[in-house]
Amino acid sequence: MELSNFWQAIASALGWTVFHSLWQITFLYLLYRLATWIWRGNSRALYLAACLAMAGSAVWAVVSFAGAW
């Protein structure tokens, strides 16, 4: 693979990753809001839900990048 084609493929994969991250993070946020409604008053469960949403968004972005690559 030529070096210019390599960087073009990286840029394309990053672009698609950002595009897909918009709806993916929105989906995770809506799930988090649902969790805050279900577990209102339970700070430990809300903290866990927030941590899972943040970790999930990072993992999902890596999976999206690998799929676009």
PDB file of N, CA and C in Angstrom:
ATOM      1  N   MET A   1       0.841  -1.174   0.000  1.00  0.00           N
ATOM      2  CA  MET A   1       0.000   0.000   0.000  1.00  0.00           C
ATOM      3  C   MET A   1       0.887   1.238   0.000  1.00  0.00           C
ATOM      4  N   GLU A   2       0.574   2.152  -0.853  1.00  0.00           N
ATOM      5  CA  GLU A   2       1.309   3.404  -0.938  1.00  0.00           C
ATOM      6  C   GLU A   2       1.054   4.250   0.301  1.00  0.00           C
ATOM      7  N   LEU A   3       2.000   5.089   0.663  1.00  0.00           N
ATOM      8  CA  LEU A   3       1.874   5.898   1.866  1.00  0.00           C
ATOM      9  C   LEU A   3       0.698   6.867   1.779  1.00  0.00           C
ATOM     10  N   SER A   4       0.467   7.475   0.611  1.00  0.00           N
ATOM     11  CA  SER A   4      -0.652   8.413   0.483  1.00  0.00           C
ATOM     12  C   SER A   4      -1.988   7.683   0.587  1.00  0.00           C
ATOM     13  N   ASN A   5      -2.060   6.465   0.043  1.00  0.00           N
ATOM     14  CA  ASN A   5      -3.285   5.680   0.181  1.00  0.00           C
ATOM     15  C   ASN A   5      -3.523   5.274   1.629  1.00  0.00           C
ATOM     16  N   PHE A   6      -2.451   5.012   2.349  1.00  0.00           N
ATOM     17  CA  PHE A   6      -2.559   4.663   3.758  1.00  0.00           C
ATOM     18  C   PHE A   6      -3.187   5.802   4.557  1.00  0.00           C
ATOM     19  N   TRP A   7      -2.676   7.023   4.364  1.00  0.00           N
ATOM     20  CA  TRP A   7      -3.209   8.167   5.107  1.00  0.00           C
ATOM     21  C   TRP A   7      -4.627   8.509   4.676  1.00  0.00           C
ATOM     22  N   GLN A   8      -4.928   8.274   3.416  1.00  0.00           N
ATOM     23  CA  GLN A   8      -6.283   8.508   2.944  1.00  0.00           C
ATOM     24  C   GLN A   8      -7.250   7.514   3.593  1.00  0.00           C
ATOM     25  N   ALA A   9      -6.833   6.276   3.727  1.00  0.00           N
ATOM     26  CA  ALA A   9      -7.670   5.264   4.376  1.00  0.00           C
ATOM     27  C   ALA A   9      -7.857   5.583   5.858  1.00  0.00           C
ATOM     28  N   ILE A  10      -6.802   6.043   6.521  1.00  0.00           N
ATOM     29  CA  ILE A  10      -6.900   6.433   7.928  1.00  0.00           C
ATOM     30  C   ILE A  10      -7.872   7.597   8.091  1.00  0.00           C
ATOM     31  N   ALA A  11      -7.750   8.612   7.231  1.00  0.00           N
ATOM     32  CA  ALA A  11      -8.630   9.777   7.319  1.00  0.00           C
ATOM     33  C   ALA A  11     -10.080   9.385   7.077  1.00  0.00           C
ATOM     34  N   SER A  12     -10.310   8.508   6.129  1.00  0.00           N
ATOM     35  CA  SER A  12     -11.667   8.055   5.851  1.00  0.00           C
ATOM     36  C   SER A  12     -12.242   7.280   7.033  1.00  0.00           C
ATOM     37  N   ALA A  13     -11.446   6.391   7.606  1.00  0.00           N
ATOM     38  CA  ALA A  13     -11.905   5.612   8.755  1.00  0.00           C
ATOM     39  C   ALA A  13     -12.189   6.514   9.955  1.00  0.00           C
ATOM     40  N   LEU A  14     -11.349   7.521  10.176  1.00  0.00           N
ATOM     41  CA  LEU A  14     -11.590   8.455  11.275  1.00  0.00           C
ATOM     42  C   LEU A  14     -12.850   9.274  11.040  1.00  0.00           C
ATOM     43  N   GLY A  15     -13.084   9.673   9.798  1.00  0.00           N
ATOM     44  CA  GLY A  15     -14.293  10.420   9.473  1.00  0.00           C
ATOM     45  C   GLY A  15     -15.552   9.619   9.752  1.00  0.00           C
ATOM     46  N   TRP A  16     -15.560   8.361   9.316  1.00  0.00           N
ATOM     47  CA  TRP A  16     -16.722   7.503   9.581  1.00  0.00           C
ATOM     48  C   TRP A  16     -16.881   7.213  11.066  1.00  0.00           C
ATOM     49  N   THR A  17     -15.761   7.120  11.783  1.00  0.00           N
ATOM     50  CA  THR A  17     -15.825   6.889  13.227  1.00  0.00           C
ATOM     51  C   THR A  17     -16.483   8.071  13.927  1.00  0.00           C
ATOM     52  N   VAL A  18     -16.111   9.282  13.549  1.00  0.00           N
ATOM     53  CA  VAL A  18     -16.727  10.471  14.146  1.00  0.00           C
ATOM     54  C   VAL A  18     -18.213  10.522  13.802  1.00  0.00           C
ATOM     55  N   PHE A  19     -18.544  10.239  12.555  1.00  0.00           N
ATOM     56  CA  PHE A  19     -19.944  10.249  12.128  1.00  0.00           C
ATOM     57  C   PHE A  19     -20.772   9.257  12.939  1.00  0.00           C
ATOM     58  N   HIS A  20     -20.290   8.046  13.063  1.00  0.00           N
ATOM     59  CA  HIS A  20     -21.034   7.028  13.806  1.00  0.00           C
ATOM     60  C   HIS A  20     -21.032   7.293  15.307  1.00  0.00           C
ATOM     61  N   SER A  21     -19.992   7.927  15.810  1.00  0.00           N
ATOM     62  CA  SER A  21     -19.941   8.237  17.237  1.00  0.00           C
ATOM     63  C   SER A  21     -21.063   9.185  17.650  1.00  0.00           C
ATOM     64  N   LEU A  22     -21.501  10.030  16.746  1.00  0.00           N
ATOM     65  CA  LEU A  22     -22.576  10.969  17.087  1.00  0.00           C
ATOM     66  C   LEU A  22     -23.839  10.230  17.498  1.00  0.00           C
ATOM     67  N   TRP A  23     -24.283   9.273  16.691  1.00  0.00           N
ATOM     68  CA  TRP A  23     -25.514   8.560  17.049  1.00  0.00           C
ATOM     69  C   TRP A  23     -25.256   7.527  18.146  1.00  0.00           C
ATOM     70  N   GLN A  24     -24.054   6.960  18.187  1.00  0.00           N
ATOM     71  CA  GLN A  24     -23.763   5.958  19.203  1.00  0.00           C
ATOM     72  C   GLN A  24     -23.753   6.571  20.606  1.00  0.00           C
ATOM     73  N   ILE A  25     -23.121   7.727  20.739  1.00  0.00           N
ATOM     74  CA  ILE A  25     -23.059   8.385  22.041  1.00  0.00           C
ATOM     75  C   ILE A  25     -24.433   8.925  22.423  1.00  0.00           C
ATOM     76  N   THR A  26     -25.212   9.375  21.441  1.00  0.00           N
ATOM     77  CA  THR A  26     -26.582   9.804  21.726  1.00  0.00           C
ATOM     78  C   THR A  26     -27.406   8.638  22.256  1.00  0.00           C
ATOM     79  N   PHE A  27     -27.249   7.473  21.660  1.00  0.00           N
ATOM     80  CA  PHE A  27     -27.953   6.279  22.122  1.00  0.00           C
ATOM     81  C   PHE A  27     -27.553   5.918  23.548  1.00  0.00           C
ATOM     82  N   LEU A  28     -26.252   5.959  23.840  1.00  0.00           N
ATOM     83  CA  LEU A  28     -25.781   5.649  25.189  1.00  0.00           C
ATOM     84  C   LEU A  28     -26.279   6.692  26.200  1.00  0.00           C
ATOM     85  N   TYR A  29     -26.348   7.948  25.776  1.00  0.00           N
ATOM     86  CA  TYR A  29     -26.862   8.993  26.658  1.00  0.00           C
ATOM     87  C   TYR A  29     -28.335   8.743  26.990  1.00  0.00           C
ATOM     88  N   LEU A  30     -29.121   8.358  25.996  1.00  0.00           N
ATOM     89  CA  LEU A  30     -30.534   8.071  26.248  1.00  0.00           C
ATOM     90  C   LEU A  30     -30.690   6.878  27.196  1.00  0.00           C
ATOM     91  N   LEU A  31     -29.844   5.874  27.034  1.00  0.00           N
ATOM     92  CA  LEU A  31     -29.864   4.753  27.980  1.00  0.00           C
ATOM     93  C   LEU A  31     -29.490   5.211  29.389  1.00  0.00           C
ATOM     94  N   TYR A  32     -28.527   6.105  29.474  1.00  0.00           N
ATOM     95  CA  TYR A  32     -28.125   6.642  30.779  1.00  0.00           C
ATOM     96  C   TYR A  32     -29.264   7.429  31.408  1.00  0.00           C
ATOM     97  N   ARG A  33     -29.952   8.246  30.614  1.00  0.00           N
ATOM     98  CA  ARG A  33     -31.080   9.012  31.144  1.00  0.00           C
ATOM     99  C   ARG A  33     -32.188   8.079  31.642  1.00  0.00           C
ATOM    100  N   LEU A  34     -32.399   6.985  30.928  1.00  0.00           N
ATOM    101  CA  LEU A  34     -33.368   5.995  31.382  1.00  0.00           C
ATOM    102  C   LEU A  34     -32.927   5.390  32.714  1.00  0.00           C
ATOM    103  N   ALA A  35     -31.646   5.114  32.839  1.00  0.00           N
ATOM    104  CA  ALA A  35     -31.117   4.560  34.088  1.00  0.00           C
ATOM    105  C   ALA A  35     -31.272   5.555  35.234  1.00  0.00           C
ATOM    106  N   THR A  36     -31.073   6.851  34.957  1.00  0.00           N
ATOM    107  CA  THR A  36     -31.233   7.844  36.028  1.00  0.00           C
ATOM    108  C   THR A  36     -32.690   7.936  36.460  1.00  0.00           C
ATOM    109  N   TRP A  37     -33.599   7.701  35.546  1.00  0.00           N
ATOM    110  CA  TRP A  37     -35.019   7.721  35.909  1.00  0.00           C
ATOM    111  C   TRP A  37     -35.390   6.477  36.715  1.00  0.00           C
ATOM    112  N   ILE A  38     -34.853   5.335  36.319  1.00  0.00           N
ATOM    113  CA  ILE A  38     -35.171   4.087  37.021  1.00  0.00           C
ATOM    114  C   ILE A  38     -34.524   4.057  38.403  1.00  0.00           C
ATOM    115  N   TRP A  39     -33.249   4.444  38.494  1.00  0.00           N
ATOM    116  CA  TRP A  39     -32.500   4.335  39.743  1.00  0.00           C
ATOM    117  C   TRP A  39     -32.309   5.682  40.430  1.00  0.00           C
ATOM    118  N   ARG A  40     -33.277   6.568  40.352  1.00  0.00           N
ATOM    119  CA  ARG A  40     -33.124   7.872  41.005  1.00  0.00           C
ATOM    120  C   ARG A  40     -32.965   7.668  42.517  1.00  0.00           C
ATOM    121  N   GLY A  41     -32.020   8.387  43.059  1.00  0.00           N
ATOM    122  CA  GLY A  41     -31.743   8.265  44.481  1.00  0.00           C
ATOM    123  C   GLY A  41     -30.664   7.250  44.823  1.00  0.00           C
ATOM    124  N   ASN A  42     -30.292   6.396  43.889  1.00  0.00           N
ATOM    125  CA  ASN A  42     -29.246   5.401  44.141  1.00  0.00           C
ATOM    126  C   ASN A  42     -27.968   5.883  43.449  1.00  0.00           C
ATOM    127  N   SER A  43     -27.173   6.641  44.179  1.00  0.00           N
ATOM    128  CA  SER A  43     -25.997   7.276  43.581  1.00  0.00           C
ATOM    129  C   SER A  43     -24.959   6.261  43.105  1.00  0.00           C
ATOM    130  N   ARG A  44     -24.847   5.153  43.787  1.00  0.00           N
ATOM    131  CA  ARG A  44     -23.865   4.142  43.385  1.00  0.00           C
ATOM    132  C   ARG A  44     -24.227   3.542  42.026  1.00  0.00           C
ATOM    133  N   ALA A  45     -25.495   3.263  41.818  1.00  0.00           N
ATOM    134  CA  ALA A  45     -25.946   2.706  40.538  1.00  0.00           C
ATOM    135  C   ALA A  45     -25.797   3.736  39.420  1.00  0.00           C
ATOM    136  N   LEU A  46     -26.072   5.004  39.716  1.00  0.00           N
ATOM    137  CA  LEU A  46     -25.922   6.053  38.709  1.00  0.00           C
ATOM    138  C   LEU A  46     -24.458   6.255  38.327  1.00  0.00           C
ATOM    139  N   TYR A  47     -23.587   6.183  39.316  1.00  0.00           N
ATOM    140  CA  TYR A  47     -22.159   6.302  39.040  1.00  0.00           C
ATOM    141  C   TYR A  47     -21.686   5.145  38.155  1.00  0.00           C
ATOM    142  N   LEU A  48     -22.139   3.948  38.466  1.00  0.00           N
ATOM    143  CA  LEU A  48     -21.785   2.783  37.654  1.00  0.00           C
ATOM    144  C   LEU A  48     -22.330   2.918  36.235  1.00  0.00           C
ATOM    145  N   ALA A  49     -23.560   3.392  36.098  1.00  0.00           N
ATOM    146  CA  ALA A  49     -24.154   3.584  34.772  1.00  0.00           C
ATOM    147  C   ALA A  49     -23.367   4.618  33.974  1.00  0.00           C
ATOM    148  N   ALA A  50     -22.937   5.694  34.624  1.00  0.00           N
ATOM    149  CA  ALA A  50     -22.147   6.725  33.943  1.00  0.00           C
ATOM    150  C   ALA A  50     -20.795   6.177  33.495  1.00  0.00           C
ATOM    151  N   CYS A  51     -20.150   5.409  34.368  1.00  0.00           N
ATOM    152  CA  CYS A  51     -18.852   4.815  34.004  1.00  0.00           C
ATOM    153  C   CYS A  51     -19.001   3.829  32.845  1.00  0.00           C
ATOM    154  N   LEU A  52     -20.051   3.036  32.884  1.00  0.00           N
ATOM    155  CA  LEU A  52     -20.287   2.086  31.794  1.00  0.00           C
ATOM    156  C   LEU A  52     -20.586   2.805  30.482  1.00  0.00           C
ATOM    157  N   ALA A  53     -21.319   3.902  30.545  1.00  0.00           N
ATOM    158  CA  ALA A  53     -21.622   4.664  29.333  1.00  0.00           C
ATOM    159  C   ALA A  53     -20.350   5.275  28.744  1.00  0.00           C
ATOM    160  N   MET A  54     -19.481   5.811  29.596  1.00  0.00           N
ATOM    161  CA  MET A  54     -18.235   6.390  29.094  1.00  0.00           C
ATOM    162  C   MET A  54     -17.317   5.327  28.507  1.00  0.00           C
ATOM    163  N   ALA A  55     -17.186   4.213  29.203  1.00  0.00           N
ATOM    164  CA  ALA A  55     -16.349   3.128  28.685  1.00  0.00           C
ATOM    165  C   ALA A  55     -16.957   2.551  27.414  1.00  0.00           C
ATOM    166  N   GLY A  56     -18.275   2.423  27.399  1.00  0.00           N
ATOM    167  CA  GLY A  56     -18.943   1.900  26.212  1.00  0.00           C
ATOM    168  C   GLY A  56     -18.756   2.784  24.998  1.00  0.00           C
ATOM    169  N   SER A  57     -18.766   4.106  25.209  1.00  0.00           N
ATOM    170  CA  SER A  57     -18.563   5.005  24.073  1.00  0.00           C
ATOM    171  C   SER A  57     -17.144   4.887  23.516  1.00  0.00           C
ATOM    172  N   ALA A  58     -16.165   4.706  24.393  1.00  0.00           N
ATOM    173  CA  ALA A  58     -14.786   4.550  23.928  1.00  0.00           C
ATOM    174  C   ALA A  58     -14.605   3.231  23.181  1.00  0.00           C
ATOM    175  N   VAL A  59     -15.146   2.161  23.737  1.00  0.00           N
ATOM    176  CA  VAL A  59     -15.020   0.845  23.085  1.00  0.00           C
ATOM    177  C   VAL A  59     -15.757   0.842  21.749  1.00  0.00           C
ATOM    178  N   TRP A  60     -16.964   1.427  21.729  1.00  0.00           N
ATOM    179  CA  TRP A  60     -17.752   1.452  20.504  1.00  0.00           C
ATOM    180  C   TRP A  60     -17.050   2.260  19.413  1.00  0.00           C
ATOM    181  N   ALA A  61     -16.343   3.338  19.799  1.00  0.00           N
ATOM    182  CA  ALA A  61     -15.591   4.133  18.825  1.00  0.00           C
ATOM    183  C   ALA A  61     -14.443   3.310  18.222  1.00  0.00           C
ATOM    184  N   VAL A  62     -13.759   2.553  19.041  1.00  0.00           N
ATOM    185  CA  VAL A  62     -12.662   1.701  18.541  1.00  0.00           C
ATOM    186  C   VAL A  62     -13.210   0.626  17.601  1.00  0.00           C
ATOM    187  N   VAL A  63     -14.346   0.049  17.965  1.00  0.00           N
ATOM    188  CA  VAL A  63     -14.970  -0.973  17.110  1.00  0.00           C
ATOM    189  C   VAL A  63     -15.412  -0.349  15.787  1.00  0.00           C
ATOM    190  N   SER A  64     -15.946   0.860  15.833  1.00  0.00           N
ATOM    191  CA  SER A  64     -16.355   1.560  14.608  1.00  0.00           C
ATOM    192  C   SER A  64     -15.157   1.847  13.711  1.00  0.00           C
ATOM    193  N   PHE A  65     -14.063   2.276  14.336  1.00  0.00           N
ATOM    194  CA  PHE A  65     -12.849   2.551  13.558  1.00  0.00           C
ATOM    195  C   PHE A  65     -12.328   1.268  12.902  1.00  0.00           C
ATOM    196  N   ALA A  66     -12.320   0.185  13.670  1.00  0.00           N
ATOM    197  CA  ALA A  66     -11.836  -1.086  13.119  1.00  0.00           C
ATOM    198  C   ALA A  66     -12.753  -1.562  11.979  1.00  0.00           C
ATOM    199  N   GLY A  67     -14.040  -1.345  12.113  1.00  0.00           N
ATOM    200  CA  GLY A  67     -14.959  -1.736  11.060  1.00  0.00           C
ATOM    201  C   GLY A  67     -14.803  -0.892   9.799  1.00  0.00           C
ATOM    202  N   ALA A  68     -14.504   0.385   9.972  1.00  0.00           N
ATOM    203  CA  ALA A  68     -14.330   1.264   8.826  1.00  0.00           C
ATOM    204  C   ALA A  68     -12.965   1.083   8.184  1.00  0.00           C
ATOM    205  N   TRP A  69     -12.029   0.577   8.945  1.00  0.00           N
ATOM    206  CA  TRP A  69     -10.664   0.392   8.439  1.00  0.00           C
ATOM    207  C   TRP A  69     -10.643  -0.729   7.476  1.00  0.00           C
TER     208      TRP A  69
END
